[in-house]
Amino acid sequence: MHTEILDGNVLHYSYQSIEQFINKANTYSTLFAKNNAGKKSSSPAKAFFNGAYSFIKTYFFKQGFRDGYVGLVIACSHMVTNFYKYIKLYELNKEQKNKKPGRH
């Protein structure tokens, strides 16, 4: 096997614009909620604190602040994605609970 070191950087972007990111976050958070409805619990507080922790972890613990604007965008994207996941899960669990027999 031959290994060679290449000059330069590999640039990888999961999305080209904020709009694409929002669409992706919406899609994946919906999938998470559907896959975990009835299996995992959630609440508005859990959604808030999960999102806040994601921001703190990414921006401070993983030193995203060192990347300036890009680090801030990434930390915020982690925050909203996690908030959406758990708030959608809360809503789906609430819907399922209200659809159970005996509920009006």
C-alpha atoms as a PDB file:
ATOM      1  CA  MET A   1       0.000   0.000   0.000  1.00  0.00           C
ATOM      2  CA  HIS A   2       1.276   3.460  -0.907  1.00  0.00           C
ATOM      3  CA  THR A   3       0.364   6.516   1.134  1.00  0.00           C
ATOM      4  CA  GLU A   4       0.864  10.002  -0.204  1.00  0.00           C
ATOM      5  CA  ILE A   5       0.345  13.360   1.522  1.00  0.00           C
ATOM      6  CA  LEU A   6      -1.483  15.877  -0.629  1.00  0.00           C
ATOM      7  CA  ASP A   7      -1.064  19.628  -0.423  1.00  0.00           C
ATOM      8  CA  GLY A   8      -4.070  21.849   0.176  1.00  0.00           C
ATOM      9  CA  ASN A   9      -7.340  21.518   2.022  1.00  0.00           C
ATOM     10  CA  VAL A  10     -10.467  19.477   1.457  1.00  0.00           C
ATOM     11  CA  LEU A  11     -13.477  21.744   1.799  1.00  0.00           C
ATOM     12  CA  HIS A  12     -16.708  19.986   2.723  1.00  0.00           C
ATOM     13  CA  TYR A  13     -19.956  21.861   3.112  1.00  0.00           C
ATOM     14  CA  SER A  14     -23.148  20.022   4.045  1.00  0.00           C
ATOM     15  CA  TYR A  15     -25.193  22.837   2.576  1.00  0.00           C
ATOM     16  CA  GLN A  16     -24.627  25.843   0.331  1.00  0.00           C
ATOM     17  CA  SER A  17     -26.953  28.322   2.048  1.00  0.00           C
ATOM     18  CA  ILE A  18     -28.813  28.976   5.271  1.00  0.00           C
ATOM     19  CA  GLU A  19     -32.054  28.078   3.470  1.00  0.00           C
ATOM     20  CA  GLN A  20     -30.690  24.616   2.638  1.00  0.00           C
ATOM     21  CA  PHE A  21     -29.641  24.190   6.267  1.00  0.00           C
ATOM     22  CA  ILE A  22     -33.115  25.133   7.516  1.00  0.00           C
ATOM     23  CA  ASN A  23     -34.713  22.616   5.149  1.00  0.00           C
ATOM     24  CA  LYS A  24     -32.268  19.909   6.248  1.00  0.00           C
ATOM     25  CA  ALA A  25     -32.817  20.659   9.957  1.00  0.00           C
ATOM     26  CA  ASN A  26     -36.577  20.503   9.408  1.00  0.00           C
ATOM     27  CA  THR A  27     -36.362  17.157   7.597  1.00  0.00           C
ATOM     28  CA  TYR A  28     -34.035  15.464  10.089  1.00  0.00           C
ATOM     29  CA  SER A  29     -35.832  16.791  13.154  1.00  0.00           C
ATOM     30  CA  THR A  30     -39.128  15.454  11.787  1.00  0.00           C
ATOM     31  CA  LEU A  31     -37.543  12.033  11.184  1.00  0.00           C
ATOM     32  CA  PHE A  32     -36.131  12.002  14.713  1.00  0.00           C
ATOM     33  CA  ALA A  33     -39.515  12.863  16.206  1.00  0.00           C
ATOM     34  CA  LYS A  34     -41.370  10.246  14.148  1.00  0.00           C
ATOM     35  CA  ASN A  35     -38.819   7.540  14.988  1.00  0.00           C
ATOM     36  CA  ASN A  36     -38.944   8.297  18.723  1.00  0.00           C
ATOM     37  CA  ALA A  37     -42.623   9.133  19.251  1.00  0.00           C
ATOM     38  CA  GLY A  38     -44.067   6.966  22.000  1.00  0.00           C
ATOM     39  CA  LYS A  39     -40.591   5.675  22.883  1.00  0.00           C
ATOM     40  CA  LYS A  40     -38.880   8.768  24.269  1.00  0.00           C
ATOM     41  CA  SER A  41     -40.318  11.549  26.380  1.00  0.00           C
ATOM     42  CA  SER A  42     -39.919  15.260  25.781  1.00  0.00           C
ATOM     43  CA  SER A  43     -41.197  18.618  26.989  1.00  0.00           C
ATOM     44  CA  PRO A  44     -40.785  22.273  26.029  1.00  0.00           C
ATOM     45  CA  ALA A  45     -38.212  22.617  28.829  1.00  0.00           C
ATOM     46  CA  LYS A  46     -36.283  19.567  27.592  1.00  0.00           C
ATOM     47  CA  ALA A  47     -36.290  21.024  24.066  1.00  0.00           C
ATOM     48  CA  PHE A  48     -35.015  24.379  25.337  1.00  0.00           C
ATOM     49  CA  PHE A  49     -32.281  22.984  27.564  1.00  0.00           C
ATOM     50  CA  ASN A  50     -31.172  20.423  24.982  1.00  0.00           C
ATOM     51  CA  GLY A  51     -30.817  23.215  22.411  1.00  0.00           C
ATOM     52  CA  ALA A  52     -29.015  25.498  24.876  1.00  0.00           C
ATOM     53  CA  TYR A  53     -26.605  22.731  25.875  1.00  0.00           C
ATOM     54  CA  SER A  54     -25.881  21.985  22.210  1.00  0.00           C
ATOM     55  CA  PHE A  55     -24.930  25.629  21.660  1.00  0.00           C
ATOM     56  CA  ILE A  56     -22.727  25.799  24.766  1.00  0.00           C
ATOM     57  CA  LYS A  57     -21.018  22.495  23.931  1.00  0.00           C
ATOM     58  CA  THR A  58     -20.297  23.480  20.315  1.00  0.00           C
ATOM     59  CA  TYR A  59     -19.416  27.140  20.821  1.00  0.00           C
ATOM     60  CA  PHE A  60     -17.505  26.967  24.095  1.00  0.00           C
ATOM     61  CA  PHE A  61     -16.404  23.406  24.935  1.00  0.00           C
ATOM     62  CA  LYS A  62     -15.456  22.569  21.335  1.00  0.00           C
ATOM     63  CA  GLN A  63     -14.117  26.128  20.893  1.00  0.00           C
ATOM     64  CA  GLY A  64     -16.348  27.066  17.970  1.00  0.00           C
ATOM     65  CA  PHE A  65     -15.765  30.712  18.939  1.00  0.00           C
ATOM     66  CA  ARG A  66     -12.276  30.371  17.464  1.00  0.00           C
ATOM     67  CA  ASP A  67     -13.844  30.002  14.010  1.00  0.00           C
ATOM     68  CA  GLY A  68     -15.560  33.392  14.192  1.00  0.00           C
ATOM     69  CA  TYR A  69     -18.730  33.765  12.144  1.00  0.00           C
ATOM     70  CA  VAL A  70     -18.647  30.164  10.898  1.00  0.00           C
ATOM     71  CA  GLY A  71     -18.314  28.802  14.442  1.00  0.00           C
ATOM     72  CA  LEU A  72     -21.271  30.898  15.571  1.00  0.00           C
ATOM     73  CA  VAL A  73     -23.409  29.676  12.667  1.00  0.00           C
ATOM     74  CA  ILE A  74     -22.500  26.049  13.388  1.00  0.00           C
ATOM     75  CA  ALA A  75     -23.256  26.411  17.119  1.00  0.00           C
ATOM     76  CA  CYS A  76     -26.597  28.077  16.361  1.00  0.00           C
ATOM     77  CA  SER A  77     -27.446  25.387  13.830  1.00  0.00           C
ATOM     78  CA  HIS A  78     -26.801  22.669  16.418  1.00  0.00           C
ATOM     79  CA  MET A  79     -28.940  24.576  18.892  1.00  0.00           C
ATOM     80  CA  VAL A  80     -31.981  24.948  16.630  1.00  0.00           C
ATOM     81  CA  THR A  81     -31.732  21.429  15.234  1.00  0.00           C
ATOM     82  CA  ASN A  82     -31.784  19.925  18.728  1.00  0.00           C
ATOM     83  CA  PHE A  83     -34.569  22.252  19.835  1.00  0.00           C
ATOM     84  CA  TYR A  84     -36.672  21.265  16.791  1.00  0.00           C
ATOM     85  CA  LYS A  85     -36.052  17.548  17.399  1.00  0.00           C
ATOM     86  CA  TYR A  86     -37.339  17.627  20.958  1.00  0.00           C
ATOM     87  CA  ILE A  87     -40.187  20.106  20.478  1.00  0.00           C
ATOM     88  CA  LYS A  88     -41.502  18.057  17.533  1.00  0.00           C
ATOM     89  CA  LEU A  89     -41.191  14.892  19.622  1.00  0.00           C
ATOM     90  CA  TYR A  90     -43.166  16.599  22.402  1.00  0.00           C
ATOM     91  CA  GLU A  91     -45.916  17.552  19.931  1.00  0.00           C
ATOM     92  CA  LEU A  92     -46.108  14.053  18.415  1.00  0.00           C
ATOM     93  CA  ASN A  93     -46.246  12.412  21.855  1.00  0.00           C
ATOM     94  CA  LYS A  94     -49.012  14.824  22.841  1.00  0.00           C
ATOM     95  CA  GLU A  95     -50.957  14.014  19.646  1.00  0.00           C
ATOM     96  CA  GLN A  96     -50.610  10.258  20.244  1.00  0.00           C
ATOM     97  CA  LYS A  97     -51.760  10.629  23.840  1.00  0.00           C
ATOM     98  CA  ASN A  98     -54.850  12.582  22.734  1.00  0.00           C
ATOM     99  CA  LYS A  99     -55.746   9.965  20.078  1.00  0.00           C
ATOM    100  CA  LYS A 100     -55.846   7.067  22.561  1.00  0.00           C
ATOM    101  CA  PRO A 101     -59.279   5.446  23.063  1.00  0.00           C
ATOM    102  CA  GLY A 102     -61.331   7.089  25.755  1.00  0.00           C
ATOM    103  CA  ARG A 103     -60.027  10.568  24.923  1.00  0.00           C
ATOM    104  CA  HIS A 104     -62.374  13.164  23.467  1.00  0.00           C
END
